[in-house]
Amino acid sequence: MNKVKVRYEAASLMELQEKGRVIAVVKGMEIGIFLVKGNLHAWRNVCPHAAAPVCVGVVCGTRLPSMVYEYQYGREQEIVRCPWHGWEFDLTNGQHLADPNVRLRGYEVETEGDQVYVLI
């Protein structure tokens, strides 16, 4: 049986364009909504490691695979780093960068006009 998802008002598109992220409270849960390369992504503000508020962490890039003694940095503004222990997550798919079996809890996002909605 498919459960019908309900749409909740979470933020304005203008606010997301200005700030890059908004932490919204939806149904008593904090959900981080991020604007990454023109696309919206919503993640529960709970790190799977130790329940830290992961969505308030630094939005940055990360080290890329490279040869020995080389240091390549990339994926700027696509990674969120947990403020408690530094775990890094891909903002486009919620996946932990070091362990593909660990991921953030995600939610669908819709827009209508300037309004951003989270579907739960």
PDB file of N, CA and C in Angstrom:
ATOM      1  N   MET A   1       0.833  -1.178   0.000  1.00  0.00           N
ATOM      2  CA  MET A   1       0.000   0.000   0.000  1.00  0.00           C
ATOM      3  C   MET A   1       0.885   1.251   0.000  1.00  0.00           C
ATOM      4  N   ASN A   2       0.643   2.158  -0.938  1.00  0.00           N
ATOM      5  CA  ASN A   2       1.405   3.398  -1.020  1.00  0.00           C
ATOM      6  C   ASN A   2       0.822   4.434  -0.080  1.00  0.00           C
ATOM      7  N   LYS A   3       1.676   5.002   0.724  1.00  0.00           N
ATOM      8  CA  LYS A   3       1.252   6.046   1.644  1.00  0.00           C
ATOM      9  C   LYS A   3       1.277   7.384   0.914  1.00  0.00           C
ATOM     10  N   VAL A   4       0.221   8.151   1.051  1.00  0.00           N
ATOM     11  CA  VAL A   4       0.142   9.458   0.410  1.00  0.00           C
ATOM     12  C   VAL A   4       1.020  10.434   1.180  1.00  0.00           C
ATOM     13  N   LYS A   5       1.881  11.136   0.461  1.00  0.00           N
ATOM     14  CA  LYS A   5       2.753  12.120   1.102  1.00  0.00           C
ATOM     15  C   LYS A   5       2.038  13.459   1.185  1.00  0.00           C
ATOM     16  N   VAL A   6       2.292  14.159   2.271  1.00  0.00           N
ATOM     17  CA  VAL A   6       1.695  15.472   2.498  1.00  0.00           C
ATOM     18  C   VAL A   6       2.765  16.523   2.255  1.00  0.00           C
ATOM     19  N   ARG A   7       2.357  17.622   1.639  1.00  0.00           N
ATOM     20  CA  ARG A   7       3.269  18.712   1.294  1.00  0.00           C
ATOM     21  C   ARG A   7       3.229  19.771   2.389  1.00  0.00           C
ATOM     22  N   TYR A   8       4.427  20.123   2.921  1.00  0.00           N
ATOM     23  CA  TYR A   8       4.545  21.114   3.988  1.00  0.00           C
ATOM     24  C   TYR A   8       5.375  22.299   3.515  1.00  0.00           C
ATOM     25  N   GLU A   9       4.872  23.489   3.781  1.00  0.00           N
ATOM     26  CA  GLU A   9       5.598  24.707   3.444  1.00  0.00           C
ATOM     27  C   GLU A   9       6.852  24.777   4.305  1.00  0.00           C
ATOM     28  N   ALA A  10       8.012  25.004   3.663  1.00  0.00           N
ATOM     29  CA  ALA A  10       9.263  24.938   4.409  1.00  0.00           C
ATOM     30  C   ALA A  10      10.142  26.185   4.287  1.00  0.00           C
ATOM     31  N   ALA A  11      10.123  26.837   3.144  1.00  0.00           N
ATOM     32  CA  ALA A  11      11.023  27.983   2.937  1.00  0.00           C
ATOM     33  C   ALA A  11      10.593  28.727   1.683  1.00  0.00           C
ATOM     34  N   SER A  12      11.225  29.854   1.454  1.00  0.00           N
ATOM     35  CA  SER A  12      11.014  30.553   0.185  1.00  0.00           C
ATOM     36  C   SER A  12      12.233  30.321  -0.702  1.00  0.00           C
ATOM     37  N   LEU A  13      11.996  30.275  -1.976  1.00  0.00           N
ATOM     38  CA  LEU A  13      13.079  30.071  -2.932  1.00  0.00           C
ATOM     39  C   LEU A  13      14.073  31.227  -2.861  1.00  0.00           C
ATOM     40  N   MET A  14      13.585  32.430  -2.631  1.00  0.00           N
ATOM     41  CA  MET A  14      14.467  33.598  -2.530  1.00  0.00           C
ATOM     42  C   MET A  14      15.431  33.449  -1.357  1.00  0.00           C
ATOM     43  N   GLU A  15      14.917  32.983  -0.210  1.00  0.00           N
ATOM     44  CA  GLU A  15      15.771  32.781   0.968  1.00  0.00           C
ATOM     45  C   GLU A  15      16.850  31.736   0.681  1.00  0.00           C
ATOM     46  N   LEU A  16      16.466  30.654   0.006  1.00  0.00           N
ATOM     47  CA  LEU A  16      17.442  29.616  -0.337  1.00  0.00           C
ATOM     48  C   LEU A  16      18.493  30.138  -1.310  1.00  0.00           C
ATOM     49  N   GLN A  17      18.081  30.951  -2.267  1.00  0.00           N
ATOM     50  CA  GLN A  17      19.036  31.512  -3.215  1.00  0.00           C
ATOM     51  C   GLN A  17      20.013  32.451  -2.522  1.00  0.00           C
ATOM     52  N   GLU A  18      19.545  33.178  -1.510  1.00  0.00           N
ATOM     53  CA  GLU A  18      20.412  34.096  -0.775  1.00  0.00           C
ATOM     54  C   GLU A  18      21.357  33.362   0.170  1.00  0.00           C
ATOM     55  N   LYS A  19      20.847  32.364   0.905  1.00  0.00           N
ATOM     56  CA  LYS A  19      21.620  31.708   1.955  1.00  0.00           C
ATOM     57  C   LYS A  19      22.249  30.384   1.542  1.00  0.00           C
ATOM     58  N   GLY A  20      21.685  29.705   0.543  1.00  0.00           N
ATOM     59  CA  GLY A  20      22.203  28.400   0.132  1.00  0.00           C
ATOM     60  C   GLY A  20      21.594  27.244   0.898  1.00  0.00           C
ATOM     61  N   ARG A  21      21.082  27.524   2.107  1.00  0.00           N
ATOM     62  CA  ARG A  21      20.407  26.492   2.908  1.00  0.00           C
ATOM     63  C   ARG A  21      19.475  27.148   3.912  1.00  0.00           C
ATOM     64  N   VAL A  22      18.476  26.376   4.303  1.00  0.00           N
ATOM     65  CA  VAL A  22      17.519  26.792   5.328  1.00  0.00           C
ATOM     66  C   VAL A  22      17.252  25.569   6.181  1.00  0.00           C
ATOM     67  N   ILE A  23      17.208  25.763   7.494  1.00  0.00           N
ATOM     68  CA  ILE A  23      16.802  24.692   8.398  1.00  0.00           C
ATOM     69  C   ILE A  23      15.343  24.976   8.758  1.00  0.00           C
ATOM     70  N   ALA A  24      14.452  24.099   8.321  1.00  0.00           N
ATOM     71  CA  ALA A  24      13.016  24.269   8.563  1.00  0.00           C
ATOM     72  C   ALA A  24      12.549  23.223   9.573  1.00  0.00           C
ATOM     73  N   VAL A  25      11.521  23.565  10.329  1.00  0.00           N
ATOM     74  CA  VAL A  25      10.902  22.603  11.237  1.00  0.00           C
ATOM     75  C   VAL A  25       9.594  22.149  10.578  1.00  0.00           C
ATOM     76  N   VAL A  26       9.541  20.858  10.275  1.00  0.00           N
ATOM     77  CA  VAL A  26       8.378  20.268   9.613  1.00  0.00           C
ATOM     78  C   VAL A  26       7.926  19.069  10.445  1.00  0.00           C
ATOM     79  N   LYS A  27       6.685  19.104  10.894  1.00  0.00           N
ATOM     80  CA  LYS A  27       6.139  18.023  11.732  1.00  0.00           C
ATOM     81  C   LYS A  27       7.033  17.738  12.938  1.00  0.00           C
ATOM     82  N   GLY A  28       7.601  18.786  13.524  1.00  0.00           N
ATOM     83  CA  GLY A  28       8.443  18.644  14.701  1.00  0.00           C
ATOM     84  C   GLY A  28       9.856  18.188  14.416  1.00  0.00           C
ATOM     85  N   MET A  29      10.214  18.026  13.144  1.00  0.00           N
ATOM     86  CA  MET A  29      11.572  17.593  12.761  1.00  0.00           C
ATOM     87  C   MET A  29      12.310  18.740  12.088  1.00  0.00           C
ATOM     88  N   GLU A  30      13.603  18.859  12.381  1.00  0.00           N
ATOM     89  CA  GLU A  30      14.426  19.825  11.656  1.00  0.00           C
ATOM     90  C   GLU A  30      14.884  19.186  10.351  1.00  0.00           C
ATOM     91  N   ILE A  31      14.666  19.905   9.254  1.00  0.00           N
ATOM     92  CA  ILE A  31      15.062  19.432   7.930  1.00  0.00           C
ATOM     93  C   ILE A  31      15.876  20.526   7.269  1.00  0.00           C
ATOM     94  N   GLY A  32      17.066  20.176   6.817  1.00  0.00           N
ATOM     95  CA  GLY A  32      17.915  21.116   6.098  1.00  0.00           C
ATOM     96  C   GLY A  32      17.589  21.054   4.615  1.00  0.00           C
ATOM     97  N   ILE A  33      17.289  22.208   4.037  1.00  0.00           N
ATOM     98  CA  ILE A  33      17.015  22.296   2.609  1.00  0.00           C
ATOM     99  C   ILE A  33      18.172  23.065   1.993  1.00  0.00           C
ATOM    100  N   PHE A  34      18.802  22.454   0.995  1.00  0.00           N
ATOM    101  CA  PHE A  34      20.005  23.004   0.383  1.00  0.00           C
ATOM    102  C   PHE A  34      19.777  23.263  -1.103  1.00  0.00           C
ATOM    103  N   LEU A  35      20.347  24.336  -1.591  1.00  0.00           N
ATOM    104  CA  LEU A  35      20.354  24.640  -3.013  1.00  0.00           C
ATOM    105  C   LEU A  35      21.751  24.318  -3.523  1.00  0.00           C
ATOM    106  N   VAL A  36      21.853  23.251  -4.321  1.00  0.00           N
ATOM    107  CA  VAL A  36      23.147  22.781  -4.819  1.00  0.00           C
ATOM    108  C   VAL A  36      23.104  22.774  -6.338  1.00  0.00           C
ATOM    109  N   LYS A  37      23.892  23.655  -6.946  1.00  0.00           N
ATOM    110  CA  LYS A  37      23.967  23.751  -8.402  1.00  0.00           C
ATOM    111  C   LYS A  37      22.590  23.861  -9.045  1.00  0.00           C
ATOM    112  N   GLY A  38      21.733  24.680  -8.441  1.00  0.00           N
ATOM    113  CA  GLY A  38      20.411  24.936  -8.984  1.00  0.00           C
ATOM    114  C   GLY A  38      19.346  23.914  -8.617  1.00  0.00           C
ATOM    115  N   ASN A  39      19.707  22.866  -7.881  1.00  0.00           N
ATOM    116  CA  ASN A  39      18.745  21.837  -7.476  1.00  0.00           C
ATOM    117  C   ASN A  39      18.532  21.861  -5.973  1.00  0.00           C
ATOM    118  N   LEU A  40      17.307  21.564  -5.545  1.00  0.00           N
ATOM    119  CA  LEU A  40      16.971  21.535  -4.127  1.00  0.00           C
ATOM    120  C   LEU A  40      17.074  20.118  -3.585  1.00  0.00           C
ATOM    121  N   HIS A  41      17.632  20.014  -2.373  1.00  0.00           N
ATOM    122  CA  HIS A  41      17.775  18.729  -1.683  1.00  0.00           C
ATOM    123  C   HIS A  41      17.426  18.943  -0.220  1.00  0.00           C
ATOM    124  N   ALA A  42      16.664  17.994   0.358  1.00  0.00           N
ATOM    125  CA  ALA A  42      16.239  18.117   1.757  1.00  0.00           C
ATOM    126  C   ALA A  42      16.713  16.903   2.543  1.00  0.00           C
ATOM    127  N   TRP A  43      17.329  17.169   3.712  1.00  0.00           N
ATOM    128  CA  TRP A  43      17.890  16.107   4.557  1.00  0.00           C
ATOM    129  C   TRP A  43      17.486  16.346   6.006  1.00  0.00           C
ATOM    130  N   ARG A  44      17.183  15.275   6.702  1.00  0.00           N
ATOM    131  CA  ARG A  44      16.884  15.367   8.139  1.00  0.00           C
ATOM    132  C   ARG A  44      18.140  15.852   8.849  1.00  0.00           C
ATOM    133  N   ASN A  45      17.972  16.771   9.767  1.00  0.00           N
ATOM    134  CA  ASN A  45      19.101  17.396  10.458  1.00  0.00           C
ATOM    135  C   ASN A  45      19.600  16.503  11.596  1.00  0.00           C
ATOM    136  N   VAL A  46      19.916  15.249  11.267  1.00  0.00           N
ATOM    137  CA  VAL A  46      20.418  14.281  12.243  1.00  0.00           C
ATOM    138  C   VAL A  46      21.513  13.457  11.576  1.00  0.00           C
ATOM    139  N   CYS A  47      22.722  13.543  12.091  1.00  0.00           N
ATOM    140  CA  CYS A  47      23.820  12.741  11.562  1.00  0.00           C
ATOM    141  C   CYS A  47      23.609  11.282  11.992  1.00  0.00           C
ATOM    142  N   PRO A  48      23.743  10.317  11.075  1.00  0.00           N
ATOM    143  CA  PRO A  48      23.556   8.914  11.440  1.00  0.00           C
ATOM    144  C   PRO A  48      24.637   8.379  12.376  1.00  0.00           C
ATOM    145  N   HIS A  49      25.716   9.115  12.551  1.00  0.00           N
ATOM    146  CA  HIS A  49      26.808   8.666  13.417  1.00  0.00           C
ATOM    147  C   HIS A  49      26.478   8.870  14.893  1.00  0.00           C
ATOM    148  N   ALA A  50      26.156  10.128  15.269  1.00  0.00           N
ATOM    149  CA  ALA A  50      25.939  10.418  16.692  1.00  0.00           C
ATOM    150  C   ALA A  50      24.798  11.411  16.917  1.00  0.00           C
ATOM    151  N   ALA A  51      23.895  11.498  15.940  1.00  0.00           N
ATOM    152  CA  ALA A  51      22.699  12.353  16.028  1.00  0.00           C
ATOM    153  C   ALA A  51      23.014  13.848  16.116  1.00  0.00           C
ATOM    154  N   ALA A  52      24.152  14.268  15.619  1.00  0.00           N
ATOM    155  CA  ALA A  52      24.514  15.684  15.596  1.00  0.00           C
ATOM    156  C   ALA A  52      23.634  16.432  14.594  1.00  0.00           C
ATOM    157  N   PRO A  53      23.523  17.750  14.748  1.00  0.00           N
ATOM    158  CA  PRO A  53      22.768  18.558  13.781  1.00  0.00           C
ATOM    159  C   PRO A  53      23.600  18.767  12.503  1.00  0.00           C
ATOM    160  N   VAL A  54      23.654  17.756  11.682  1.00  0.00           N
ATOM    161  CA  VAL A  54      24.547  17.717  10.521  1.00  0.00           C
ATOM    162  C   VAL A  54      24.305  18.856   9.532  1.00  0.00           C
ATOM    163  N   CYS A  55      23.064  19.282   9.384  1.00  0.00           N
ATOM    164  CA  CYS A  55      22.744  20.297   8.371  1.00  0.00           C
ATOM    165  C   CYS A  55      23.248  21.687   8.704  1.00  0.00           C
ATOM    166  N   VAL A  56      23.712  21.910   9.940  1.00  0.00           N
ATOM    167  CA  VAL A  56      24.294  23.206  10.277  1.00  0.00           C
ATOM    168  C   VAL A  56      25.806  23.194  10.077  1.00  0.00           C
ATOM    169  N   GLY A  57      26.343  22.081   9.633  1.00  0.00           N
ATOM    170  CA  GLY A  57      27.778  21.971   9.393  1.00  0.00           C
ATOM    171  C   GLY A  57      28.234  22.805   8.212  1.00  0.00           C
ATOM    172  N   VAL A  58      29.529  22.871   8.040  1.00  0.00           N
ATOM    173  CA  VAL A  58      30.132  23.629   6.952  1.00  0.00           C
ATOM    174  C   VAL A  58      29.766  22.994   5.616  1.00  0.00           C
ATOM    175  N   VAL A  59      29.325  23.822   4.679  1.00  0.00           N
ATOM    176  CA  VAL A  59      29.099  23.372   3.305  1.00  0.00           C
ATOM    177  C   VAL A  59      30.375  23.706   2.548  1.00  0.00           C
ATOM    178  N   CYS A  60      30.979  22.687   1.950  1.00  0.00           N
ATOM    179  CA  CYS A  60      32.311  22.854   1.388  1.00  0.00           C
ATOM    180  C   CYS A  60      32.517  21.873   0.231  1.00  0.00           C
ATOM    181  N   GLY A  61      33.769  21.664  -0.116  1.00  0.00           N
ATOM    182  CA  GLY A  61      34.170  20.628  -1.050  1.00  0.00           C
ATOM    183  C   GLY A  61      34.927  19.567  -0.279  1.00  0.00           C
ATOM    184  N   THR A  62      35.663  18.738  -0.994  1.00  0.00           N
ATOM    185  CA  THR A  62      36.407  17.674  -0.329  1.00  0.00           C
ATOM    186  C   THR A  62      37.614  17.286  -1.167  1.00  0.00           C
ATOM    187  N   ARG A  63      38.465  16.474  -0.577  1.00  0.00           N
ATOM    188  CA  ARG A  63      39.609  15.952  -1.327  1.00  0.00           C
ATOM    189  C   ARG A  63      39.121  14.931  -2.338  1.00  0.00           C
ATOM    190  N   LEU A  64      39.681  14.989  -3.521  1.00  0.00           N
ATOM    191  CA  LEU A  64      39.317  14.061  -4.588  1.00  0.00           C
ATOM    192  C   LEU A  64      40.351  12.950  -4.701  1.00  0.00           C
ATOM    193  N   PRO A  65      39.965  11.800  -5.252  1.00  0.00           N
ATOM    194  CA  PRO A  65      40.960  10.745  -5.474  1.00  0.00           C
ATOM    195  C   PRO A  65      42.102  11.293  -6.331  1.00  0.00           C
ATOM    196  N   SER A  66      43.328  10.994  -5.946  1.00  0.00           N
ATOM    197  CA  SER A  66      44.487  11.520  -6.670  1.00  0.00           C
ATOM    198  C   SER A  66      45.681  10.605  -6.451  1.00  0.00           C
ATOM    199  N   MET A  67      46.747  10.898  -7.145  1.00  0.00           N
ATOM    200  CA  MET A  67      47.974  10.118  -7.042  1.00  0.00           C
ATOM    201  C   MET A  67      48.659  10.385  -5.691  1.00  0.00           C
ATOM    202  N   VAL A  68      49.560   9.509  -5.318  1.00  0.00           N
ATOM    203  CA  VAL A  68      50.319   9.664  -4.086  1.00  0.00           C
ATOM    204  C   VAL A  68      51.050  11.012  -4.107  1.00  0.00           C
ATOM    205  N   TYR A  69      51.026  11.716  -2.990  1.00  0.00           N
ATOM    206  CA  TYR A  69      51.647  13.026  -2.796  1.00  0.00           C
ATOM    207  C   TYR A  69      50.963  14.146  -3.576  1.00  0.00           C
ATOM    208  N   GLU A  70      49.823  13.868  -4.171  1.00  0.00           N
ATOM    209  CA  GLU A  70      49.050  14.924  -4.825  1.00  0.00           C
ATOM    210  C   GLU A  70      47.846  15.246  -3.949  1.00  0.00           C
ATOM    211  N   TYR A  71      47.431  16.481  -3.998  1.00  0.00           N
ATOM    212  CA  TYR A  71      46.267  16.908  -3.232  1.00  0.00           C
ATOM    213  C   TYR A  71      45.343  17.648  -4.182  1.00  0.00           C
ATOM    214  N   GLN A  72      44.203  17.040  -4.463  1.00  0.00           N
ATOM    215  CA  GLN A  72      43.218  17.677  -5.334  1.00  0.00           C
ATOM    216  C   GLN A  72      41.947  17.929  -4.537  1.00  0.00           C
ATOM    217  N   TYR A  73      41.449  19.138  -4.661  1.00  0.00           N
ATOM    218  CA  TYR A  73      40.249  19.543  -3.949  1.00  0.00           C
ATOM    219  C   TYR A  73      39.181  19.858  -4.979  1.00  0.00           C
ATOM    220  N   GLY A  74      37.942  19.441  -4.712  1.00  0.00           N
ATOM    221  CA  GLY A  74      36.866  19.716  -5.655  1.00  0.00           C
ATOM    222  C   GLY A  74      35.504  19.552  -5.013  1.00  0.00           C
ATOM    223  N   ARG A  75      34.475  19.549  -5.860  1.00  0.00           N
ATOM    224  CA  ARG A  75      33.086  19.402  -5.445  1.00  0.00           C
ATOM    225  C   ARG A  75      32.654  20.514  -4.483  1.00  0.00           C
ATOM    226  N   GLU A  76      33.199  21.701  -4.701  1.00  0.00           N
ATOM    227  CA  GLU A  76      32.897  22.853  -3.851  1.00  0.00           C
ATOM    228  C   GLU A  76      31.394  23.083  -3.752  1.00  0.00           C
ATOM    229  N   GLN A  77      30.906  23.322  -2.537  1.00  0.00           N
ATOM    230  CA  GLN A  77      29.501  23.579  -2.213  1.00  0.00           C
ATOM    231  C   GLN A  77      28.582  22.374  -2.442  1.00  0.00           C
ATOM    232  N   GLU A  78      29.159  21.157  -2.535  1.00  0.00           N
ATOM    233  CA  GLU A  78      28.371  19.930  -2.717  1.00  0.00           C
ATOM    234  C   GLU A  78      28.443  19.002  -1.510  1.00  0.00           C
ATOM    235  N   ILE A  79      29.224  19.364  -0.499  1.00  0.00           N
ATOM    236  CA  ILE A  79      29.471  18.500   0.650  1.00  0.00           C
ATOM    237  C   ILE A  79      29.080  19.238   1.928  1.00  0.00           C
ATOM    238  N   VAL A  80      28.456  18.524   2.866  1.00  0.00           N
ATOM    239  CA  VAL A  80      28.233  19.087   4.197  1.00  0.00           C
ATOM    240  C   VAL A  80      29.073  18.265   5.174  1.00  0.00           C
ATOM    241  N   ARG A  81      29.781  18.970   6.045  1.00  0.00           N
ATOM    242  CA  ARG A  81      30.652  18.323   7.035  1.00  0.00           C
ATOM    243  C   ARG A  81      29.996  18.441   8.412  1.00  0.00           C
ATOM    244  N   CYS A  82      29.758  17.305   9.041  1.00  0.00           N
ATOM    245  CA  CYS A  82      29.111  17.280  10.354  1.00  0.00           C
ATOM    246  C   CYS A  82      29.941  18.091  11.356  1.00  0.00           C
ATOM    247  N   PRO A  83      29.282  18.969  12.112  1.00  0.00           N
ATOM    248  CA  PRO A  83      30.030  19.825  13.034  1.00  0.00           C
ATOM    249  C   PRO A  83      30.628  19.098  14.236  1.00  0.00           C
ATOM    250  N   TRP A  84      30.176  17.912  14.567  1.00  0.00           N
ATOM    251  CA  TRP A  84      30.697  17.221  15.742  1.00  0.00           C
ATOM    252  C   TRP A  84      31.931  16.378  15.451  1.00  0.00           C
ATOM    253  N   HIS A  85      31.910  15.575  14.421  1.00  0.00           N
ATOM    254  CA  HIS A  85      33.016  14.646  14.183  1.00  0.00           C
ATOM    255  C   HIS A  85      33.588  14.707  12.763  1.00  0.00           C
ATOM    256  N   GLY A  86      33.109  15.633  11.955  1.00  0.00           N
ATOM    257  CA  GLY A  86      33.693  15.850  10.641  1.00  0.00           C
ATOM    258  C   GLY A  86      33.262  14.878   9.550  1.00  0.00           C
ATOM    259  N   TRP A  87      32.255  14.056   9.806  1.00  0.00           N
ATOM    260  CA  TRP A  87      31.793  13.150   8.757  1.00  0.00           C
ATOM    261  C   TRP A  87      31.284  13.983   7.585  1.00  0.00           C
ATOM    262  N   GLU A  88      31.630  13.588   6.371  1.00  0.00           N
ATOM    263  CA  GLU A  88      31.248  14.331   5.177  1.00  0.00           C
ATOM    264  C   GLU A  88      30.170  13.578   4.394  1.00  0.00           C
ATOM    265  N   PHE A  89      29.159  14.341   3.955  1.00  0.00           N
ATOM    266  CA  PHE A  89      28.049  13.781   3.196  1.00  0.00           C
ATOM    267  C   PHE A  89      27.846  14.558   1.906  1.00  0.00           C
ATOM    268  N   ASP A  90      27.530  13.831   0.842  1.00  0.00           N
ATOM    269  CA  ASP A  90      27.221  14.397  -0.460  1.00  0.00           C
ATOM    270  C   ASP A  90      25.826  15.010  -0.376  1.00  0.00           C
ATOM    271  N   LEU A  91      25.703  16.303  -0.628  1.00  0.00           N
ATOM    272  CA  LEU A  91      24.414  16.966  -0.527  1.00  0.00           C
ATOM    273  C   LEU A  91      23.464  16.595  -1.663  1.00  0.00           C
ATOM    274  N   THR A  92      23.959  16.005  -2.741  1.00  0.00           N
ATOM    275  CA  THR A  92      23.080  15.649  -3.856  1.00  0.00           C
ATOM    276  C   THR A  92      22.396  14.304  -3.671  1.00  0.00           C
ATOM    277  N   ASN A  93      22.993  13.420  -2.844  1.00  0.00           N
ATOM    278  CA  ASN A  93      22.378  12.097  -2.660  1.00  0.00           C
ATOM    279  C   ASN A  93      22.379  11.625  -1.204  1.00  0.00           C
ATOM    280  N   GLY A  94      22.943  12.409  -0.281  1.00  0.00           N
ATOM    281  CA  GLY A  94      22.939  12.075   1.139  1.00  0.00           C
ATOM    282  C   GLY A  94      23.955  11.028   1.559  1.00  0.00           C
ATOM    283  N   GLN A  95      24.738  10.532   0.630  1.00  0.00           N
ATOM    284  CA  GLN A  95      25.666   9.442   0.917  1.00  0.00           C
ATOM    285  C   GLN A  95      26.913   9.926   1.648  1.00  0.00           C
ATOM    286  N   HIS A  96      27.344   9.147   2.646  1.00  0.00           N
ATOM    287  CA  HIS A  96      28.599   9.404   3.356  1.00  0.00           C
ATOM    288  C   HIS A  96      29.738   9.172   2.362  1.00  0.00           C
ATOM    289  N   LEU A  97      30.745  10.023   2.379  1.00  0.00           N
ATOM    290  CA  LEU A  97      31.799   9.919   1.373  1.00  0.00           C
ATOM    291  C   LEU A  97      32.697   8.708   1.544  1.00  0.00           C
ATOM    292  N   ALA A  98      32.854   8.215   2.772  1.00  0.00           N
ATOM    293  CA  ALA A  98      33.755   7.085   2.999  1.00  0.00           C
ATOM    294  C   ALA A  98      33.035   5.742   3.070  1.00  0.00           C
ATOM    295  N   ASP A  99      31.767   5.737   3.430  1.00  0.00           N
ATOM    296  CA  ASP A  99      31.020   4.493   3.582  1.00  0.00           C
ATOM    297  C   ASP A  99      29.693   4.605   2.836  1.00  0.00           C
ATOM    298  N   PRO A 100      29.585   3.993   1.655  1.00  0.00           N
ATOM    299  CA  PRO A 100      28.364   4.130   0.850  1.00  0.00           C
ATOM    300  C   PRO A 100      27.120   3.521   1.493  1.00  0.00           C
ATOM    301  N   ASN A 101      27.269   2.761   2.576  1.00  0.00           N
ATOM    302  CA  ASN A 101      26.120   2.183   3.267  1.00  0.00           C
ATOM    303  C   ASN A 101      25.503   3.135   4.287  1.00  0.00           C
ATOM    304  N   VAL A 102      26.153   4.272   4.521  1.00  0.00           N
ATOM    305  CA  VAL A 102      25.663   5.266   5.476  1.00  0.00           C
ATOM    306  C   VAL A 102      25.177   6.470   4.690  1.00  0.00           C
ATOM    307  N   ARG A 103      23.976   6.921   5.015  1.00  0.00           N
ATOM    308  CA  ARG A 103      23.451   8.095   4.308  1.00  0.00           C
ATOM    309  C   ARG A 103      22.509   8.881   5.200  1.00  0.00           C
ATOM    310  N   LEU A 104      22.271  10.112   4.789  1.00  0.00           N
ATOM    311  CA  LEU A 104      21.315  10.968   5.478  1.00  0.00           C
ATOM    312  C   LEU A 104      19.901  10.579   5.066  1.00  0.00           C
ATOM    313  N   ARG A 105      18.934  10.872   5.918  1.00  0.00           N
ATOM    314  CA  ARG A 105      17.531  10.618   5.594  1.00  0.00           C
ATOM    315  C   ARG A 105      17.035  11.768   4.732  1.00  0.00           C
ATOM    316  N   GLY A 106      16.575  11.455   3.530  1.00  0.00           N
ATOM    317  CA  GLY A 106      16.170  12.486   2.587  1.00  0.00           C
ATOM    318  C   GLY A 106      14.669  12.606   2.418  1.00  0.00           C
ATOM    319  N   TYR A 107      14.258  13.748   1.879  1.00  0.00           N
ATOM    320  CA  TYR A 107      12.851  14.035   1.621  1.00  0.00           C
ATOM    321  C   TYR A 107      12.717  14.669   0.242  1.00  0.00           C
ATOM    322  N   GLU A 108      11.578  14.428  -0.380  1.00  0.00           N
ATOM    323  CA  GLU A 108      11.286  15.064  -1.661  1.00  0.00           C
ATOM    324  C   GLU A 108      11.009  16.544  -1.437  1.00  0.00           C
ATOM    325  N   VAL A 109      11.346  17.332  -2.457  1.00  0.00           N
ATOM    326  CA  VAL A 109      11.140  18.777  -2.393  1.00  0.00           C
ATOM    327  C   VAL A 109      10.402  19.206  -3.658  1.00  0.00           C
ATOM    328  N   GLU A 110       9.454  20.123  -3.496  1.00  0.00           N
ATOM    329  CA  GLU A 110       8.742  20.706  -4.626  1.00  0.00           C
ATOM    330  C   GLU A 110       8.727  22.216  -4.476  1.00  0.00           C
ATOM    331  N   THR A 111       8.583  22.899  -5.604  1.00  0.00           N
ATOM    332  CA  THR A 111       8.419  24.348  -5.561  1.00  0.00           C
ATOM    333  C   THR A 111       7.130  24.721  -6.279  1.00  0.00           C
ATOM    334  N   GLU A 112       6.560  25.807  -5.838  1.00  0.00           N
ATOM    335  CA  GLU A 112       5.395  26.400  -6.504  1.00  0.00           C
ATOM    336  C   GLU A 112       5.532  27.897  -6.324  1.00  0.00           C
ATOM    337  N   GLY A 113       5.763  28.585  -7.407  1.00  0.00           N
ATOM    338  CA  GLY A 113       6.053  30.009  -7.313  1.00  0.00           C
ATOM    339  C   GLY A 113       7.360  30.182  -6.553  1.00  0.00           C
ATOM    340  N   ASP A 114       7.336  31.028  -5.512  1.00  0.00           N
ATOM    341  CA  ASP A 114       8.526  31.255  -4.689  1.00  0.00           C
ATOM    342  C   ASP A 114       8.565  30.350  -3.468  1.00  0.00           C
ATOM    343  N   GLN A 115       7.575  29.482  -3.315  1.00  0.00           N
ATOM    344  CA  GLN A 115       7.482  28.660  -2.109  1.00  0.00           C
ATOM    345  C   GLN A 115       8.119  27.288  -2.319  1.00  0.00           C
ATOM    346  N   VAL A 116       8.846  26.830  -1.299  1.00  0.00           N
ATOM    347  CA  VAL A 116       9.481  25.498  -1.311  1.00  0.00           C
ATOM    348  C   VAL A 116       8.737  24.620  -0.322  1.00  0.00           C
ATOM    349  N   TYR A 117       8.398  23.413  -0.763  1.00  0.00           N
ATOM    350  CA  TYR A 117       7.653  22.466   0.057  1.00  0.00           C
ATOM    351  C   TYR A 117       8.459  21.189   0.232  1.00  0.00           C
ATOM    352  N   VAL A 118       8.311  20.566   1.410  1.00  0.00           N
ATOM    353  CA  VAL A 118       8.901  19.259   1.685  1.00  0.00           C
ATOM    354  C   VAL A 118       7.747  18.267   1.738  1.00  0.00           C
ATOM    355  N   LEU A 119       7.930  17.103   1.107  1.00  0.00           N
ATOM    356  CA  LEU A 119       6.899  16.065   1.105  1.00  0.00           C
ATOM    357  C   LEU A 119       7.266  14.993   2.119  1.00  0.00           C
ATOM    358  N   ILE A 120       6.337  14.732   3.028  1.00  0.00           N
ATOM    359  CA  ILE A 120       6.550  13.699   4.055  1.00  0.00           C
ATOM    360  C   ILE A 120       5.342  12.777   4.065  1.00  0.00           C
TER     361      ILE A 120
END
